[in-house]
Protein backbone atom coordinates (compact mmCIF):
# COMPACT_ATOMS: atom_id res chain seq x y z
CA MET A 1 47.64 31.29 71.66
CA THR A 2 47.41 30.81 68.07
CA SER A 3 44.10 30.53 66.20
CA PRO A 4 43.19 27.11 64.91
CA ARG A 5 43.60 26.63 61.13
CA PHE A 6 41.98 23.86 59.30
CA ASP A 7 44.42 21.91 56.90
CA ILE A 8 42.47 19.72 54.56
CA THR A 9 45.47 17.32 54.38
CA ALA A 10 44.80 16.39 57.99
CA ALA A 11 41.43 14.90 56.99
CA HIS A 12 42.47 13.89 53.56
CA PRO A 13 46.25 12.84 53.55
CA GLU A 14 46.15 11.92 49.84
CA PHE A 15 46.46 15.67 49.17
CA LEU A 16 49.86 15.73 50.61
CA ARG A 17 51.10 14.07 47.44
CA LEU A 18 49.63 16.86 45.40
CA ARG A 19 51.11 19.64 47.72
CA SER A 20 54.55 17.98 47.46
CA ALA A 21 54.42 17.76 43.57
CA ALA A 22 53.28 21.40 43.32
CA GLY A 23 56.17 22.53 45.72
CA ALA A 24 58.64 20.49 43.79
CA GLY A 25 57.44 21.84 40.18
CA ASP A 26 56.50 18.29 39.21
CA TRP A 27 53.82 18.97 36.38
CA ALA A 28 53.55 15.36 35.64
CA GLY A 29 52.74 14.46 39.29
CA ILE A 30 50.02 17.22 39.27
CA ASP A 31 48.39 16.12 36.12
CA GLN A 32 48.40 12.63 37.19
CA PHE A 33 46.79 13.41 40.62
CA PHE A 34 43.94 15.52 38.96
CA ALA A 35 43.27 12.62 36.36
CA SER A 36 42.81 10.22 39.36
CA LEU A 37 40.20 12.32 41.25
CA PRO A 38 36.68 10.79 41.61
CA ASP A 39 34.59 13.83 41.31
CA GLY A 40 34.45 17.54 41.05
CA ASN A 41 34.53 18.48 44.71
CA ALA A 42 37.74 16.83 45.12
CA ALA A 43 39.07 18.71 42.13
CA ALA A 44 37.87 21.93 43.51
CA GLU A 45 39.81 21.34 46.85
CA ALA A 46 42.90 20.25 45.13
CA THR A 47 42.87 23.35 42.90
CA TRP A 48 43.09 25.62 45.94
CA ILE A 49 45.77 23.46 47.37
CA VAL A 50 48.03 24.19 44.39
CA ALA A 51 46.91 27.79 44.29
CA ASP A 52 48.23 28.44 47.85
CA ILE A 53 51.78 27.13 47.15
CA VAL A 54 54.18 29.99 47.32
CA GLY A 55 55.96 30.70 43.84
CA VAL A 56 53.46 28.35 42.02
CA GLU A 57 52.62 31.20 39.60
CA GLU A 58 56.07 31.25 37.88
CA PHE A 59 56.06 27.37 37.63
CA LEU A 60 52.51 27.26 36.10
CA ARG A 61 53.52 29.92 33.36
CA ARG A 62 56.37 27.64 32.40
CA VAL A 63 54.32 24.46 31.92
CA PRO A 64 52.92 23.50 28.53
CA PRO A 65 49.55 25.40 28.03
CA SER A 66 46.55 23.12 28.92
CA ARG A 67 43.08 23.46 30.56
CA LEU A 68 44.38 22.27 33.76
CA SER A 69 47.33 24.64 33.80
CA ARG A 70 45.18 27.67 32.90
CA LEU A 71 42.60 26.73 35.63
CA LEU A 72 45.42 26.42 38.23
CA LEU A 73 46.92 29.90 37.16
CA ALA A 74 43.55 31.49 37.36
CA CYS A 75 42.74 30.22 40.77
CA GLN A 76 46.25 31.33 41.81
CA HIS A 77 45.35 34.85 40.66
CA ILE A 78 42.16 34.66 42.61
CA ALA A 79 43.99 33.68 45.79
CA GLN A 80 46.37 36.63 45.17
CA ALA A 81 43.45 38.96 44.59
CA TRP A 82 42.03 38.03 47.93
CA GLU A 83 45.27 38.90 49.58
CA ILE A 84 45.39 42.26 48.00
CA ARG A 85 41.95 42.99 48.90
CA SER A 86 42.79 42.52 52.66
CA SER A 87 45.15 44.52 54.69
CA LYS A 88 47.76 41.89 54.57
CA ARG A 89 49.65 43.69 51.77
CA SER A 90 48.78 47.09 52.57
CA GLN A 91 52.40 47.68 54.14
CA HIS A 92 53.65 47.58 50.68
CA VAL A 93 51.56 50.55 49.48
CA SER A 94 52.79 54.05 50.19
CA SER A 95 50.57 56.83 51.25
CA GLN A 96 51.10 58.63 47.98
CA GLN A 97 49.69 55.57 46.08
CA PHE A 98 46.70 55.41 48.43
CA ALA A 99 46.06 59.00 47.92
CA GLY A 100 46.15 58.54 44.18
CA MET A 101 43.94 55.70 44.22
CA HIS A 102 41.28 57.81 46.28
CA GLU A 103 41.64 60.51 43.87
CA ALA A 104 40.90 58.36 40.89
CA LEU A 105 37.92 56.77 42.83
CA ARG A 106 36.53 60.33 43.35
CA GLU A 107 36.96 61.37 39.82
CA GLU A 108 35.31 58.20 38.50
CA PHE A 109 32.41 58.75 41.02
CA ALA A 110 32.02 62.25 39.78
CA ALA A 111 31.71 61.25 36.27
CA ILE A 112 28.62 59.05 36.81
CA THR A 113 25.46 60.94 35.59
CA VAL A 114 21.86 60.57 36.46
CA GLN A 115 21.38 59.14 32.99
CA ASP A 116 23.92 56.37 33.89
CA MET A 117 22.03 55.45 37.11
CA GLN A 118 18.70 55.15 35.17
CA ALA A 119 20.34 53.01 32.51
CA VAL A 120 21.51 50.57 35.24
CA ALA A 121 18.25 50.67 37.07
CA GLN A 122 16.22 49.97 33.89
CA GLU A 123 18.44 47.09 32.88
CA ALA A 124 18.09 45.63 36.42
CA MET A 125 14.37 45.82 36.49
CA SER A 126 13.89 44.65 32.83
CA THR A 127 16.13 41.52 33.49
CA GLY A 128 15.26 40.72 37.17
CA LEU A 129 13.70 37.48 38.47
CA LEU A 130 11.53 37.51 41.42
CA GLN A 131 10.21 35.07 43.99
CA VAL A 132 7.20 35.85 46.10
CA PRO A 133 5.44 34.03 49.01
CA GLU A 134 3.10 31.34 47.96
CA GLY A 135 -0.48 32.64 46.98
CA LEU A 136 0.89 36.18 46.25
CA ALA A 137 1.66 37.88 42.92
CA ALA A 138 3.76 41.00 41.97
CA ASP A 139 1.79 42.04 38.82
CA TRP A 140 1.35 45.58 40.70
CA ALA A 141 5.24 45.80 39.94
CA GLY A 142 5.03 44.94 36.35
CA PHE A 143 5.81 41.34 36.75
CA VAL A 144 4.10 38.32 35.31
CA GLN A 145 4.19 34.64 36.42
CA ALA A 146 6.49 32.34 34.68
CA PRO A 147 4.86 29.42 32.68
CA LEU A 148 4.48 26.38 34.93
CA PHE A 149 4.63 23.97 32.03
CA SER A 150 6.00 23.45 28.51
CA THR A 151 3.87 24.08 25.33
CA MET A 152 4.55 20.55 23.91
CA ALA A 153 5.44 17.14 24.58
CA VAL A 154 7.91 14.87 22.64
CA HIS A 155 6.71 11.82 20.74
CA GLY A 156 8.31 8.56 21.88
CA ASN A 157 8.15 5.76 24.38
CA GLY A 158 6.12 6.40 27.60
CA HIS A 159 7.21 4.98 30.97
CA ALA A 160 4.70 4.86 33.57
CA SER A 161 5.61 6.00 37.14
CA ARG A 162 5.96 3.37 39.76
CA GLN A 163 4.84 6.00 42.34
CA TYR A 164 2.09 8.16 41.04
CA LYS A 165 -0.87 7.22 38.90
CA GLY A 166 -1.32 9.37 35.77
CA ARG A 167 2.32 10.40 35.54
CA SER A 168 4.80 9.07 32.74
CA LEU A 169 8.07 9.94 31.38
CA VAL A 170 8.36 10.08 27.63
CA LEU A 171 11.70 9.48 25.89
CA GLY A 172 11.54 10.54 22.32
CA GLY A 173 13.90 11.27 19.58
CA GLU A 174 13.67 15.17 20.29
CA GLY A 175 13.88 15.09 24.01
CA VAL A 176 12.26 14.14 27.18
CA SER A 177 8.81 14.98 28.61
CA LEU A 178 7.29 14.54 32.00
CA VAL A 179 3.51 14.07 31.46
CA THR A 180 1.20 14.61 34.46
CA GLY A 181 -2.34 15.36 34.96
CA ALA A 182 -1.64 19.02 35.61
CA GLY A 183 0.55 19.66 32.50
CA THR A 184 3.77 18.62 30.82
CA VAL A 185 7.38 19.59 31.27
CA THR A 186 9.80 19.09 28.27
CA VAL A 187 13.42 19.44 27.80
CA LEU A 188 14.61 19.16 24.04
CA PHE A 189 17.98 17.52 23.56
CA ARG A 190 18.94 20.42 21.26
CA ASP A 191 18.29 22.85 23.99
CA CYS A 192 19.68 20.81 26.87
CA VAL A 193 22.37 23.00 28.43
CA ALA A 194 23.35 20.51 31.14
CA MET A 195 22.58 17.03 32.43
CA ARG A 196 23.57 15.75 35.77
CA CYS A 197 24.71 12.09 35.63
CA TRP A 198 24.84 9.76 38.86
CA PRO A 199 26.63 6.42 39.02
CA ASP A 200 23.19 4.82 39.93
CA GLY A 201 21.71 5.97 36.59
CA ALA A 202 19.75 8.97 37.59
CA ARG A 203 19.85 11.79 35.28
CA GLN A 204 18.49 15.52 35.50
CA LEU A 205 18.17 17.51 32.29
CA PHE A 206 18.16 21.23 32.19
CA GLY A 207 16.77 23.12 29.23
CA ALA A 208 17.74 26.56 27.97
CA ASP A 209 14.29 27.87 29.20
CA GLY A 210 14.72 27.05 32.88
CA PHE A 211 12.68 23.78 32.95
CA ASN A 212 14.30 20.61 34.25
CA ILE A 213 13.45 16.94 34.43
CA SER A 214 14.68 14.31 36.74
CA VAL A 215 14.99 10.80 35.35
CA GLU A 216 15.00 8.22 38.22
CA PRO A 217 15.13 4.66 36.70
CA THR A 218 13.77 3.22 39.92
CA MET A 219 10.78 5.34 39.81
CA TYR A 220 9.53 4.54 36.39
CA GLU A 221 8.89 1.35 34.28
CA MET A 222 11.84 1.67 31.82
CA PRO A 223 14.31 -0.97 30.40
CA PRO A 224 17.87 -1.06 31.52
CA THR A 225 19.08 0.23 28.18
CA ALA A 226 17.08 3.56 28.51
CA ILE A 227 19.72 5.35 30.22
CA GLY A 228 22.49 4.49 27.92
CA TRP A 229 20.08 5.57 25.06
CA LEU A 230 19.51 8.91 26.80
CA ASP A 231 23.22 9.58 27.51
CA ALA A 232 23.84 9.15 23.76
CA GLN A 233 21.38 11.76 22.94
CA VAL A 234 23.09 14.61 25.07
CA ARG A 235 26.10 16.49 24.05
CA PRO A 236 29.26 15.16 25.89
CA GLU A 237 30.14 18.60 27.06
CA ALA A 238 26.77 19.07 28.55
CA ARG A 239 27.04 15.96 30.85
CA ILE A 240 28.10 16.60 34.50
CA PRO A 241 29.28 13.58 36.51
CA MET A 242 28.09 13.48 40.01
CA PRO A 243 29.25 11.65 43.09
CA ALA A 244 27.43 8.55 44.32
CA ARG A 245 24.35 9.14 46.31
CA ALA A 246 23.79 8.18 49.88
CA SER A 247 20.49 6.68 48.95
CA VAL A 248 18.41 5.95 45.80
CA PRO A 249 14.77 6.88 45.61
CA GLN A 250 12.42 3.83 45.79
CA PRO A 251 8.62 3.66 45.13
CA THR A 252 6.30 2.82 47.96
CA SER A 253 4.22 -0.31 47.79
CA GLN A 254 0.95 1.55 46.94
CA PRO A 255 0.94 4.02 43.90
CA THR A 256 -0.89 7.29 44.74
CA ALA A 257 -2.84 9.66 42.49
CA GLN A 258 -1.02 12.85 43.64
CA SER A 259 -0.32 15.28 40.77
CA VAL A 260 3.06 16.82 40.09
CA ALA A 261 1.95 20.06 42.03
CA ALA A 262 1.13 18.15 45.06
CA VAL A 263 4.52 16.64 45.69
CA ALA A 264 6.35 19.23 47.45
CA ALA A 265 9.37 19.17 49.56
CA PRO A 266 8.74 19.35 53.42
CA ARG A 267 8.33 22.97 54.39
CA ARG A 268 10.87 24.37 56.88
CA THR A 269 9.00 27.29 58.43
CA ARG A 270 11.82 29.00 60.04
CA SER A 271 14.20 29.15 56.99
CA VAL A 272 11.27 29.92 54.66
CA MET A 273 10.16 32.86 56.72
CA ASN A 274 13.71 34.13 56.89
CA ARG A 275 14.08 33.91 53.17
CA ILE A 276 10.81 35.75 52.65
CA GLY A 277 11.88 38.51 55.01
CA MET A 278 15.09 39.05 53.32
CA VAL A 279 13.66 38.91 49.74
CA LEU A 280 10.79 41.41 50.50
CA PHE A 281 13.07 43.71 52.49
CA GLY A 282 15.55 43.84 49.49
CA LEU A 283 12.87 44.15 46.90
CA ALA A 284 11.23 46.96 48.64
CA ALA A 285 14.31 48.93 48.70
CA ALA A 286 15.29 47.99 45.00
CA PHE A 287 11.92 48.91 43.59
CA ARG A 288 11.89 52.32 45.51
CA ALA A 289 15.29 53.29 44.38
CA ALA A 290 14.71 51.89 40.78
CA GLY A 291 11.46 53.82 40.51
CA ARG A 292 12.84 57.22 41.52
CA LEU A 293 15.70 56.69 39.05
CA ARG A 294 13.59 55.66 36.19
CA ASP A 295 11.32 58.76 36.53
CA GLY A 296 14.43 61.13 37.08
CA VAL A 297 15.91 62.45 40.29
CA ALA A 298 14.42 66.21 39.74
CA GLY A 299 11.21 65.00 37.89
CA HIS A 300 7.99 63.61 38.84
CA ARG A 301 8.29 60.51 40.94
CA ARG A 302 5.46 57.78 41.01
CA PRO A 303 5.30 54.44 42.82
CA VAL A 304 7.05 51.58 40.94
CA GLY A 305 3.62 49.78 40.94
CA HIS A 306 2.08 52.10 38.67
CA GLY A 307 3.20 51.32 35.13
CA ALA A 308 6.78 50.61 35.90
CA GLY A 309 8.72 49.00 33.11
CA ARG A 310 5.64 49.33 30.74
CA GLY A 311 6.03 51.21 27.37
CA ASP A 312 9.02 53.43 28.44
CA HIS A 313 11.81 50.95 27.18
CA PRO A 314 12.20 47.47 25.94
CA VAL A 315 11.86 44.81 28.40
CA GLY A 316 13.03 41.69 26.71
CA ALA A 317 14.91 40.45 29.73
CA GLY A 318 18.26 41.06 28.15
CA ARG A 319 17.62 38.88 24.97
CA GLY A 320 16.34 41.68 22.76
CA ASP A 321 13.50 39.89 21.50
CA GLY A 322 10.68 41.17 23.98
CA ARG A 323 10.04 37.63 25.38
CA PRO A 324 9.99 37.02 29.17
CA VAL A 325 12.96 34.99 30.63
CA ARG A 326 11.72 31.84 32.28
CA ALA A 327 13.59 31.62 35.60
CA ALA A 328 14.79 28.67 37.63
CA VAL A 329 14.06 28.46 41.22
CA LEU A 330 16.87 28.32 43.68
CA PRO A 331 17.10 24.86 45.59
CA GLY A 332 15.54 24.73 48.94
CA THR A 333 12.78 27.28 48.19
CA ALA A 334 9.83 24.87 48.02
CA GLY A 335 6.73 26.17 49.31
CA MET A 336 8.03 29.81 49.34
CA THR A 337 6.62 30.80 45.90
CA ALA A 338 3.42 30.64 44.12
CA GLY A 339 2.94 27.89 41.55
CA ALA A 340 4.98 24.81 40.66
CA ARG A 341 8.81 24.65 40.07
CA ARG A 342 9.87 23.57 36.48
CA GLY A 343 10.95 20.01 37.46
CA THR A 344 9.05 17.25 38.97
CA ASP A 345 8.80 17.60 42.66
CA SER A 346 8.22 21.23 44.06
CA THR A 347 5.65 23.99 44.35
CA ALA A 348 7.79 26.88 43.63
CA CYS A 349 7.17 29.21 40.80
CA PRO A 350 9.34 32.34 39.79
CA VAL A 351 7.92 35.39 38.16
CA THR A 352 9.51 37.40 35.35
CA ARG A 353 9.32 40.70 33.79
CA PRO A 354 6.82 40.79 30.88
């Protein structure tokens, strides 16, 4: 009995045309197919369909260089690497070649010094981002809480929330600010690294400092021209088209006075507790190992919580300027951490190295 194998063309027969074009070496057909795709998810599936075609590598090397051809060739190399990583190709490797590889690995391992390990541990600790259960802190390990709000708001046209009293969205010449009773979150256009764009007009701007703002036209008193104006302020290469959503947020009939910190995603106890357990277990091991390496294997060992990462080496979080990195929170972790996520609708707050 053969194992079942999912073929995406069974569910999406339109991909058969792409597979046929790739197998026949029809670059024009491939290029035309990718140009007609509606969103990034379909493009990702199409990319791997081409990468799985036997002999496609030589064909892709012959086509005129382009962004698409380079992408497809790179994915084909990744597919090859996964095959090599498995035992599928081991029959083509001699015992002498395996022995040589093992000897090279042993030599490389023997060349690693305690100083090398200390440097890696120090870099990991000085650039690490940590999430802790709500209500707890990690200052004992040398971490400080990331800022919850921006230090400034842009000047511009304010658009009141249709859902929450005291909340407004400000669209200004420099950027966008979400103003609430608890504080302000700002993303400047010059620092906007990405903006997700939905067909219904919703936008989500991400700043280089980790803050993000969701712009929902249905949730604010804004004119129809506001979204077009906003799109024109953001660099085209930073715009990320998104597929249509199944539903669009709508305000309730009665506005409430909830603050930004009070509007949290529903807590899923089981998944949250699972994450907390995994995070704490991993961090305990990491702190213990990094603390021993930092103080030297043969020297005095002290707990990581007592002065770890303070004064011994720069802790500029990889930027070289001594400033803390402001972390973004992984999606789906609302209620797991202490504070408020840098956005508009969560209670998650990461902490960073000082």
